[in-house]
């Protein structure tokens, strides 16, 4: 949410800022979870036999024959090279965060498999932004400033998986999402060529602190064919996301003979977004240590709605059908376990199209190169009880908004550690 001060001099600012944070950040964007899964490009719907399976496909947990306690960290680097009227500026963010922590516990049963699991996973991050330092040929102001998002979405999750038949498993996970995002924006306009009557300088600063919460459920099935092919399917229910927003707005207008400083404005509100149903489908094949797999995920953000509207501030999005596009996320990956070495090497690719394209009251966004990433990973069983997984995810995209072109590059490193134990020893 944001509010725009209704003064004439703000028009020059809006030409640059209108769509910087216009999308609902809680809806768009994929981060992924688990070093093994991301080393395989996130193509994990037909694998998902470790703690991260709670998030990818809970049915895959039924294949876990040993208990495990796992935890992980992630490091993210973001760089946006923006060109505004052909003048370049760069913006960078770096962050290191706790990523996962949980337990998988197989319960001994007479036949088949019954596995329960629970823990925490940081499923999405919002880090991003841009910097600008250029002369606007249209507004005829020298513009300098930045826009920044910094935040994450985490989920406390518990679930279970059970064998329905010798080769067919089903699972369910229940999650409680919690997250925060802080959006900051500063912009200074200088009349360096003295083309405006009276106006010398305009300064604007805006902050928004948003808190997110939600309760949701995901179900999945996993089928293993005798020919070594595997199928997986997941469905996540439509989820209402509750948002609490706190905003601060500052504005200053300098003229030849005076300075107008507007009082610091503070706003607070609550609203609710309904995230639509999402579906996932995976197909995989394994033989002699080699695993190949591919997934598709679909959730139409054009179907998102505001269940509860804010009263004091204006929504980012006026029309989800107009300002978002329908898209399918695709994952491809593979893993090869080197015989007798306890080492596995992984590689993958995913394509996660940018959904937000603006339009209506904000500028349209033209996607030049869609968001995608290449991944590499390695895993090692250091002994019978301890395993380590590493992954690197290198991605980016290009887009144009008005007279500004953004080229975003991202680098993500993940490490996951796992301690295995024999659950039967505790019965």
Protein backbone atom coordinates (compact mmCIF):
# COMPACT_ATOMS: atom_id res chain seq x y z
CA UNK A 1 0.00 0.00 0.00
CA UNK A 2 1.07 3.58 -0.52
CA UNK A 3 -0.39 7.04 -0.57
CA UNK A 4 0.56 9.81 -3.01
CA UNK A 5 0.39 13.41 -1.82
CA UNK A 6 -2.04 15.38 -4.03
CA UNK A 7 0.21 18.28 -5.00
CA UNK A 8 1.26 19.36 -8.48
CA UNK A 9 4.99 19.04 -7.85
CA UNK A 10 4.54 15.34 -7.05
CA UNK A 11 3.78 14.62 -10.71
CA UNK A 12 7.48 14.73 -11.52
CA UNK A 13 8.16 12.18 -8.78
CA UNK A 14 5.32 9.86 -9.83
CA UNK A 15 6.79 9.59 -13.33
CA UNK A 16 9.57 7.53 -11.76
CA UNK A 17 8.05 5.99 -8.64
CA UNK A 18 4.55 4.91 -9.70
CA UNK A 19 5.31 1.23 -10.20
CA UNK A 20 8.44 0.75 -8.08
CA UNK A 21 6.54 -1.02 -5.33
CA UNK A 22 3.16 -1.25 -7.00
CA UNK A 23 2.90 -5.03 -6.84
CA UNK A 24 1.89 -6.99 -3.78
CA UNK A 25 5.25 -8.51 -2.87
CA UNK A 26 3.68 -11.33 -0.88
CA UNK A 27 2.26 -12.85 -4.08
CA UNK A 28 5.00 -12.93 -6.70
CA UNK A 29 8.42 -14.50 -6.70
CA UNK A 30 9.97 -17.91 -6.04
CA UNK A 31 12.92 -18.49 -3.70
CA UNK A 32 12.96 -22.24 -3.11
CA UNK A 33 13.96 -24.21 -0.05
CA UNK A 34 16.57 -26.88 0.69
CA UNK A 35 20.10 -27.19 -0.74
CA UNK A 36 19.48 -30.58 -2.33
CA UNK A 37 16.23 -29.47 -3.95
CA UNK A 38 17.69 -26.22 -5.29
CA UNK A 39 20.81 -27.97 -6.55
CA UNK A 40 18.37 -29.89 -8.78
CA UNK A 41 16.74 -26.69 -10.02
CA UNK A 42 13.79 -27.03 -7.66
CA UNK A 43 12.52 -30.03 -9.63
CA UNK A 44 11.60 -31.85 -6.44
CA UNK A 45 7.93 -32.86 -6.57
CA UNK A 46 8.87 -36.48 -7.39
CA UNK A 47 11.80 -36.61 -4.92
CA UNK A 48 10.90 -34.71 -1.70
CA UNK A 49 12.11 -37.48 0.65
CA UNK A 50 13.75 -35.17 3.20
CA UNK A 51 12.49 -32.35 5.46
CA UNK A 52 12.04 -29.92 2.55
CA UNK A 53 9.46 -32.33 1.15
CA UNK A 54 6.99 -30.68 3.54
CA UNK A 55 7.09 -27.69 1.21
CA UNK A 56 7.57 -29.38 -2.19
CA UNK A 57 5.36 -32.48 -1.92
CA UNK A 58 4.55 -33.91 1.52
CA UNK A 59 3.70 -37.31 -0.01
CA UNK A 60 7.39 -37.87 -0.78
CA UNK A 61 8.13 -38.05 2.95
CA UNK A 62 6.70 -41.57 2.98
CA UNK A 63 9.95 -42.71 1.34
CA UNK A 64 12.04 -41.61 4.33
CA UNK A 65 13.26 -44.81 6.02
CA UNK A 66 15.37 -43.08 8.68
CA UNK A 67 14.67 -40.19 10.97
CA UNK A 68 16.58 -36.96 10.53
CA UNK A 69 17.16 -33.56 12.07
CA UNK A 70 18.17 -30.90 9.55
CA UNK A 71 18.95 -27.22 9.41
CA UNK A 72 20.27 -24.83 6.80
CA UNK A 73 21.43 -21.32 5.90
CA UNK A 74 21.17 -19.19 2.76
CA UNK A 75 23.12 -16.23 1.42
CA UNK A 76 21.54 -13.99 -1.22
CA UNK A 77 23.13 -11.35 -3.43
CA UNK A 78 21.02 -9.00 -5.53
CA UNK A 79 22.29 -6.51 -8.11
CA UNK A 80 20.18 -4.27 -10.36
CA UNK A 81 21.91 -2.29 -13.11
CA UNK A 82 19.39 0.39 -14.09
CA UNK A 83 19.61 2.66 -17.14
CA UNK A 84 17.48 5.79 -16.95
CA UNK A 85 17.68 7.88 -20.15
CA UNK A 86 20.83 5.81 -20.94
CA UNK A 87 22.55 6.80 -17.68
CA UNK A 88 23.55 3.79 -15.59
CA UNK A 89 23.28 3.26 -11.84
CA UNK A 90 23.74 0.11 -9.76
CA UNK A 91 21.97 -1.11 -6.62
CA UNK A 92 23.12 -4.05 -4.49
CA UNK A 93 21.80 -5.98 -1.50
CA UNK A 94 23.39 -8.85 0.45
CA UNK A 95 21.81 -10.94 3.19
CA UNK A 96 22.55 -14.11 5.13
CA UNK A 97 19.68 -15.82 6.93
CA UNK A 98 18.69 -18.98 8.74
CA UNK A 99 16.78 -20.95 6.09
CA UNK A 100 15.44 -24.25 7.45
CA UNK A 101 15.20 -26.31 10.59
CA UNK A 102 13.12 -29.40 11.20
CA UNK A 103 12.71 -33.06 11.99
CA UNK A 104 11.50 -36.09 10.03
CA UNK A 105 10.31 -39.07 12.06
CA UNK A 106 9.24 -42.42 10.53
CA UNK A 107 6.79 -44.25 12.79
CA UNK A 108 7.27 -48.04 12.68
CA UNK A 109 4.18 -49.75 11.22
CA UNK A 110 3.37 -53.31 10.29
CA UNK A 111 3.08 -52.57 6.59
CA UNK A 112 3.91 -49.62 4.37
CA UNK A 113 5.14 -46.33 5.74
CA UNK A 114 3.96 -43.59 8.07
CA UNK A 115 6.17 -40.51 8.47
CA UNK A 116 5.57 -37.27 10.37
CA UNK A 117 7.61 -34.09 10.08
CA UNK A 118 7.65 -30.52 11.32
CA UNK A 119 9.75 -27.40 11.45
CA UNK A 120 10.46 -24.03 9.88
CA UNK A 121 11.32 -23.00 6.34
CA UNK A 122 12.01 -19.57 4.85
CA UNK A 123 10.03 -19.98 1.66
CA UNK A 124 10.41 -16.55 0.04
CA UNK A 125 12.44 -13.37 0.28
CA UNK A 126 11.58 -9.92 -1.05
CA UNK A 127 15.04 -8.33 -1.29
CA UNK A 128 15.35 -5.99 -4.25
CA UNK A 129 15.36 -2.43 -5.45
CA UNK A 130 17.04 0.09 -7.70
CA UNK A 131 19.11 3.27 -7.68
CA UNK A 132 18.90 6.17 -10.06
CA UNK A 133 21.19 9.16 -10.71
CA UNK A 134 20.30 10.74 -14.03
CA UNK A 135 18.69 13.67 -15.79
CA UNK A 136 15.04 13.15 -16.72
CA UNK A 137 14.59 14.62 -20.20
CA UNK A 138 10.81 14.53 -19.87
CA UNK A 139 10.32 16.04 -16.39
CA UNK A 140 13.48 18.18 -16.87
CA UNK A 141 14.85 17.44 -13.41
CA UNK A 142 18.06 15.81 -12.28
CA UNK A 143 16.90 12.79 -10.28
CA UNK A 144 18.81 10.90 -7.62
CA UNK A 145 17.50 8.33 -5.17
CA UNK A 146 16.79 4.70 -4.46
CA UNK A 147 14.00 2.24 -3.83
CA UNK A 148 14.49 -0.84 -1.64
CA UNK A 149 12.53 -3.88 -0.43
CA UNK A 150 13.98 -6.03 2.34
CA UNK A 151 12.06 -8.87 3.94
CA UNK A 152 11.18 -12.56 4.05
CA UNK A 153 8.29 -15.00 4.28
CA UNK A 154 8.72 -18.00 6.57
CA UNK A 155 6.44 -20.94 7.34
CA UNK A 156 6.05 -23.05 10.46
CA UNK A 157 4.91 -26.35 9.04
CA UNK A 158 3.85 -29.79 10.19
CA UNK A 159 2.70 -32.72 8.12
CA UNK A 160 2.51 -36.44 7.56
CA UNK A 161 2.74 -38.97 4.74
CA UNK A 162 1.41 -42.50 4.47
CA UNK A 163 1.54 -45.32 1.94
CA UNK A 164 -1.89 -45.94 0.44
CA UNK A 165 -0.55 -48.86 -1.62
CA UNK A 166 2.89 -50.41 -2.15
CA UNK A 167 3.81 -47.74 -4.75
CA UNK A 168 1.39 -44.94 -3.93
CA UNK A 169 1.79 -42.39 -1.14
CA UNK A 170 -0.23 -39.42 0.02
CA UNK A 171 0.74 -36.56 2.28
CA UNK A 172 -0.50 -33.33 3.77
CA UNK A 173 1.21 -30.33 5.32
CA UNK A 174 -0.30 -27.54 7.38
CA UNK A 175 1.54 -24.25 7.56
CA UNK A 176 1.45 -20.94 9.33
CA UNK A 177 3.08 -18.17 7.30
CA UNK A 178 4.73 -15.24 9.01
CA UNK A 179 6.67 -12.51 7.24
CA UNK A 180 7.73 -8.88 7.12
CA UNK A 181 8.85 -6.48 4.42
CA UNK A 182 10.24 -2.98 4.71
CA UNK A 183 9.98 -0.76 1.65
CA UNK A 184 12.05 2.43 1.61
CA UNK A 185 12.17 5.06 -1.08
CA UNK A 186 14.03 8.37 -1.31
CA UNK A 187 14.10 10.71 -4.29
CA UNK A 188 15.59 14.19 -4.81
CA UNK A 189 14.81 16.32 -7.86
CA UNK A 190 17.07 19.27 -8.72
CA UNK A 191 16.36 21.92 -11.34
CA UNK A 192 20.00 21.96 -12.46
CA UNK A 193 19.23 23.57 -15.84
CA UNK A 194 16.94 26.21 -14.33
CA UNK A 195 14.04 25.46 -16.66
CA UNK A 196 11.27 25.51 -14.04
CA UNK A 197 9.69 28.68 -12.80
CA UNK A 198 10.43 29.11 -9.09
CA UNK A 199 10.94 25.40 -8.16
CA UNK A 200 14.54 24.59 -7.20
CA UNK A 201 14.41 21.26 -5.38
CA UNK A 202 11.89 18.54 -4.46
CA UNK A 203 12.57 15.86 -1.87
CA UNK A 204 10.40 12.86 -0.99
CA UNK A 205 10.93 10.01 1.47
CA UNK A 206 8.55 7.11 1.97
CA UNK A 207 8.64 4.04 4.22
CA UNK A 208 6.26 1.13 4.50
CA UNK A 209 6.50 -1.67 7.07
CA UNK A 210 4.25 -4.60 6.20
CA UNK A 211 3.62 -7.71 8.29
CA UNK A 212 2.09 -10.84 6.73
CA UNK A 213 0.35 -13.85 8.25
CA UNK A 214 -1.61 -16.77 6.84
CA UNK A 215 -2.80 -20.29 7.55
CA UNK A 216 -2.80 -22.79 4.71
CA UNK A 217 -2.73 -26.41 3.65
CA UNK A 218 -1.03 -28.42 0.90
CA UNK A 219 -1.73 -31.97 -0.17
CA UNK A 220 0.16 -34.27 -2.49
CA UNK A 221 0.46 -37.74 -3.97
CA UNK A 222 3.53 -39.66 -5.09
CA UNK A 223 3.52 -42.73 -7.35
CA UNK A 224 6.46 -45.00 -8.17
CA UNK A 225 6.08 -47.15 -11.30
CA UNK A 226 7.97 -50.47 -11.66
CA UNK A 227 9.73 -49.01 -14.72
CA UNK A 228 11.52 -46.50 -12.41
CA UNK A 229 9.30 -43.60 -13.47
CA UNK A 230 7.75 -41.49 -10.73
CA UNK A 231 4.82 -39.10 -10.72
CA UNK A 232 3.95 -36.40 -8.23
CA UNK A 233 1.06 -34.02 -7.85
CA UNK A 234 0.40 -31.24 -5.34
CA UNK A 235 -2.39 -28.78 -4.65
CA UNK A 236 -2.28 -25.81 -2.29
CA UNK A 237 -5.59 -24.37 -1.16
CA UNK A 238 -6.56 -20.75 -1.74
CA UNK A 239 -4.96 -18.84 1.12
CA UNK A 240 -6.06 -15.53 2.65
CA UNK A 241 -2.96 -13.48 3.51
CA UNK A 242 -3.52 -10.88 6.22
CA UNK A 243 -1.43 -7.72 5.95
CA UNK A 244 -0.76 -5.06 8.57
CA UNK A 245 0.73 -1.90 7.06
CA UNK A 246 2.43 1.08 8.69
CA UNK A 247 3.51 3.97 6.46
CA UNK A 248 5.49 7.18 6.83
CA UNK A 249 5.59 9.94 4.21
CA UNK A 250 7.84 13.03 4.12
CA UNK A 251 7.85 15.77 1.49
CA UNK A 252 9.77 18.99 0.99
CA UNK A 253 9.48 21.57 -1.81
CA UNK A 254 12.16 24.25 -2.19
CA UNK A 255 11.53 27.43 -4.20
CA UNK A 256 13.64 30.49 -5.00
CA UNK A 257 12.31 32.38 -2.00
CA UNK A 258 11.02 29.76 0.42
CA UNK A 259 10.88 26.11 1.50
CA UNK A 260 7.60 24.23 2.06
CA UNK A 261 8.02 21.32 4.46
CA UNK A 262 4.93 19.19 4.81
CA UNK A 263 4.21 17.56 8.17
CA UNK A 264 5.40 13.99 8.58
CA UNK A 265 2.40 11.79 7.78
CA UNK A 266 1.83 8.40 9.41
CA UNK A 267 -0.74 5.86 8.29
CA UNK A 268 -1.70 2.41 9.53
CA UNK A 269 -4.15 -0.11 8.19
CA UNK A 270 -5.02 -3.78 7.76
CA UNK A 271 -6.23 -5.66 4.72
CA UNK A 272 -6.42 -9.19 3.32
CA UNK A 273 -5.39 -10.70 -0.02
CA UNK A 274 -6.68 -14.03 -1.25
CA UNK A 275 -3.92 -16.02 -2.94
CA UNK A 276 -5.50 -18.43 -5.46
CA UNK A 277 -5.21 -22.21 -5.61
CA UNK A 278 -1.85 -23.44 -6.94
CA UNK A 279 -1.05 -26.79 -8.56
CA UNK A 280 2.18 -28.70 -9.12
CA UNK A 281 2.96 -31.72 -11.31
CA UNK A 282 6.22 -33.66 -11.55
CA UNK A 283 7.62 -36.50 -13.65
CA UNK A 284 10.86 -38.24 -12.75
CA UNK A 285 13.00 -41.27 -13.56
CA UNK A 286 15.73 -42.99 -11.55
CA UNK A 287 18.15 -45.81 -12.32
CA UNK A 288 21.65 -46.80 -11.14
CA UNK A 289 22.21 -43.64 -9.13
CA UNK A 290 20.95 -41.28 -11.84
CA UNK A 291 17.78 -39.23 -11.24
CA UNK A 292 16.18 -36.98 -13.86
CA UNK A 293 13.10 -34.95 -13.02
CA UNK A 294 10.93 -32.07 -14.22
CA UNK A 295 8.11 -30.09 -12.61
CA UNK A 296 5.53 -27.50 -13.59
CA UNK A 297 3.70 -25.23 -11.13
CA UNK A 298 0.67 -23.10 -11.86
CA UNK A 299 -1.13 -20.50 -9.81
CA UNK A 300 -2.99 -17.77 -11.67
CA UNK A 301 -2.38 -14.47 -9.83
CA UNK A 302 -4.98 -12.86 -12.08
CA UNK A 303 -7.45 -14.66 -9.81
CA UNK A 304 -6.12 -12.98 -6.67
CA UNK A 305 -8.54 -10.67 -4.87
CA UNK A 306 -8.71 -8.36 -1.87
CA UNK A 307 -10.95 -10.14 0.62
CA UNK A 308 -10.74 -7.16 2.96
CA UNK A 309 -9.90 -3.68 1.67
CA UNK A 310 -7.88 -1.15 3.60
CA UNK A 311 -9.71 1.97 4.80
CA UNK A 312 -7.00 4.57 5.16
CA UNK A 313 -4.56 3.80 2.33
CA UNK A 314 -4.82 3.01 -1.35
CA UNK A 315 -4.20 -0.55 -2.65
CA UNK A 316 -1.07 -1.18 -4.70
CA UNK A 317 -3.07 -3.09 -7.29
CA UNK A 318 -6.33 -1.80 -8.77
CA UNK A 319 -7.03 -4.78 -11.03
CA UNK A 320 -5.18 -8.11 -10.67
CA UNK A 321 -6.49 -9.27 -14.06
CA UNK A 322 -5.04 -6.18 -15.74
CA UNK A 323 -1.79 -5.77 -13.83
CA UNK A 324 -0.69 -9.42 -13.51
CA UNK A 325 -0.20 -12.06 -16.17
CA UNK A 326 -0.82 -15.79 -16.08
CA UNK A 327 2.35 -17.89 -16.13
CA UNK A 328 3.70 -21.39 -15.46
CA UNK A 329 6.85 -22.02 -13.43
CA UNK A 330 9.03 -24.80 -14.91
CA UNK A 331 11.81 -26.77 -13.17
CA UNK A 332 14.29 -29.26 -14.67
CA UNK A 333 17.00 -31.06 -12.75
CA UNK A 334 19.12 -34.11 -12.22
CA UNK A 335 21.28 -35.88 -9.66
CA UNK A 336 23.98 -38.51 -10.00
CA UNK A 337 25.10 -40.47 -6.93
CA UNK A 338 28.68 -41.66 -7.52
CA UNK A 339 28.77 -45.39 -6.65
CA UNK A 340 30.61 -46.21 -3.43
CA UNK A 341 31.64 -42.61 -2.78
CA UNK A 342 28.74 -41.26 -0.76
CA UNK A 343 28.81 -38.19 -3.01
CA UNK A 344 26.09 -36.87 -5.33
CA UNK A 345 26.42 -34.11 -7.95
CA UNK A 346 23.41 -32.09 -9.11
CA UNK A 347 22.42 -29.55 -11.73
CA UNK A 348 19.22 -27.89 -12.84
CA UNK A 349 17.35 -24.98 -14.34
CA UNK A 350 14.11 -23.19 -13.58
CA UNK A 351 12.06 -20.48 -15.24
CA UNK A 352 9.88 -18.34 -13.00
CA UNK A 353 8.16 -15.66 -15.13
CA UNK A 354 7.64 -12.21 -13.61
CA UNK A 355 3.89 -11.89 -13.08
CA UNK A 356 3.55 -8.17 -12.41
CA UNK A 357 3.33 -6.09 -15.61
CA UNK A 358 1.60 -2.90 -14.40
CA UNK A 359 -1.00 -1.08 -16.45
CA UNK A 360 -4.01 1.02 -15.58
CA UNK A 361 -3.04 3.87 -13.24
CA UNK A 362 0.66 2.81 -13.19
CA UNK A 363 3.15 2.43 -16.07
CA UNK A 364 3.26 -0.84 -17.94
CA UNK A 365 6.25 -3.12 -17.41
CA UNK A 366 7.69 -4.83 -20.50
CA UNK A 367 9.53 -8.06 -19.69
CA UNK A 368 12.58 -8.30 -21.95
CA UNK A 369 14.04 -11.52 -20.51
CA UNK A 370 12.00 -13.58 -18.08
CA UNK A 371 13.26 -14.51 -14.64
CA UNK A 372 15.20 -17.79 -14.65
CA UNK A 373 18.18 -19.46 -13.01
CA UNK A 374 20.79 -22.19 -13.46
CA UNK A 375 21.71 -24.29 -10.43
CA UNK A 376 24.56 -26.52 -9.29
CA UNK A 377 24.83 -28.66 -6.19
CA UNK A 378 26.77 -31.33 -4.39
CA UNK A 379 25.92 -33.60 -1.48
CA UNK A 380 28.07 -35.82 0.69
CA UNK A 381 27.35 -38.42 3.36
CA UNK A 382 30.25 -37.83 5.74
CA UNK A 383 29.37 -40.96 7.69
CA UNK A 384 26.31 -43.09 8.40
CA UNK A 385 24.70 -40.36 10.45
CA UNK A 386 25.78 -37.01 8.99
CA UNK A 387 25.20 -35.47 5.54
CA UNK A 388 26.00 -32.09 4.00
CA UNK A 389 24.44 -30.45 0.93
CA UNK A 390 25.54 -27.32 -0.95
CA UNK A 391 23.87 -25.48 -3.82
CA UNK A 392 24.40 -22.35 -5.93
CA UNK A 393 21.59 -20.62 -7.84
CA UNK A 394 22.54 -18.03 -10.49
CA UNK A 395 19.69 -16.11 -12.11
CA UNK A 396 18.26 -12.84 -13.30
CA UNK A 397 15.92 -11.04 -15.69
CA UNK A 398 15.56 -7.82 -17.74
CA UNK A 399 12.60 -5.49 -17.94
CA UNK A 400 11.68 -1.99 -19.14
CA UNK A 401 9.38 0.45 -17.38
CA UNK A 402 8.88 3.77 -19.14
CA UNK A 403 12.32 5.31 -19.75
CA UNK A 404 14.08 2.97 -17.30
CA UNK A 405 15.61 -0.41 -18.09
CA UNK A 406 16.51 -2.82 -15.27
CA UNK A 407 18.89 -5.74 -15.53
CA UNK A 408 18.71 -7.84 -12.37
CA UNK A 409 21.27 -10.49 -11.43
CA UNK A 410 20.92 -12.76 -8.41
CA UNK A 411 23.20 -15.25 -6.72
CA UNK A 412 22.03 -17.57 -3.99
CA UNK A 413 24.12 -20.02 -1.97
CA UNK A 414 22.49 -22.63 0.27
CA UNK A 415 23.91 -25.08 2.76
CA UNK A 416 21.91 -27.79 4.51
CA UNK A 417 23.13 -30.21 7.18
CA UNK A 418 21.37 -33.37 8.28
CA UNK A 419 21.83 -35.76 11.16
CA UNK A 420 20.21 -39.16 10.64
CA UNK A 421 18.99 -41.53 13.32
CA UNK A 422 17.20 -44.89 13.47
CA UNK A 423 13.66 -44.18 14.59
CA UNK A 424 13.01 -47.82 15.51
CA UNK A 425 15.58 -47.55 18.29
CA UNK A 426 13.22 -45.23 20.16
CA UNK A 427 10.29 -47.65 20.16
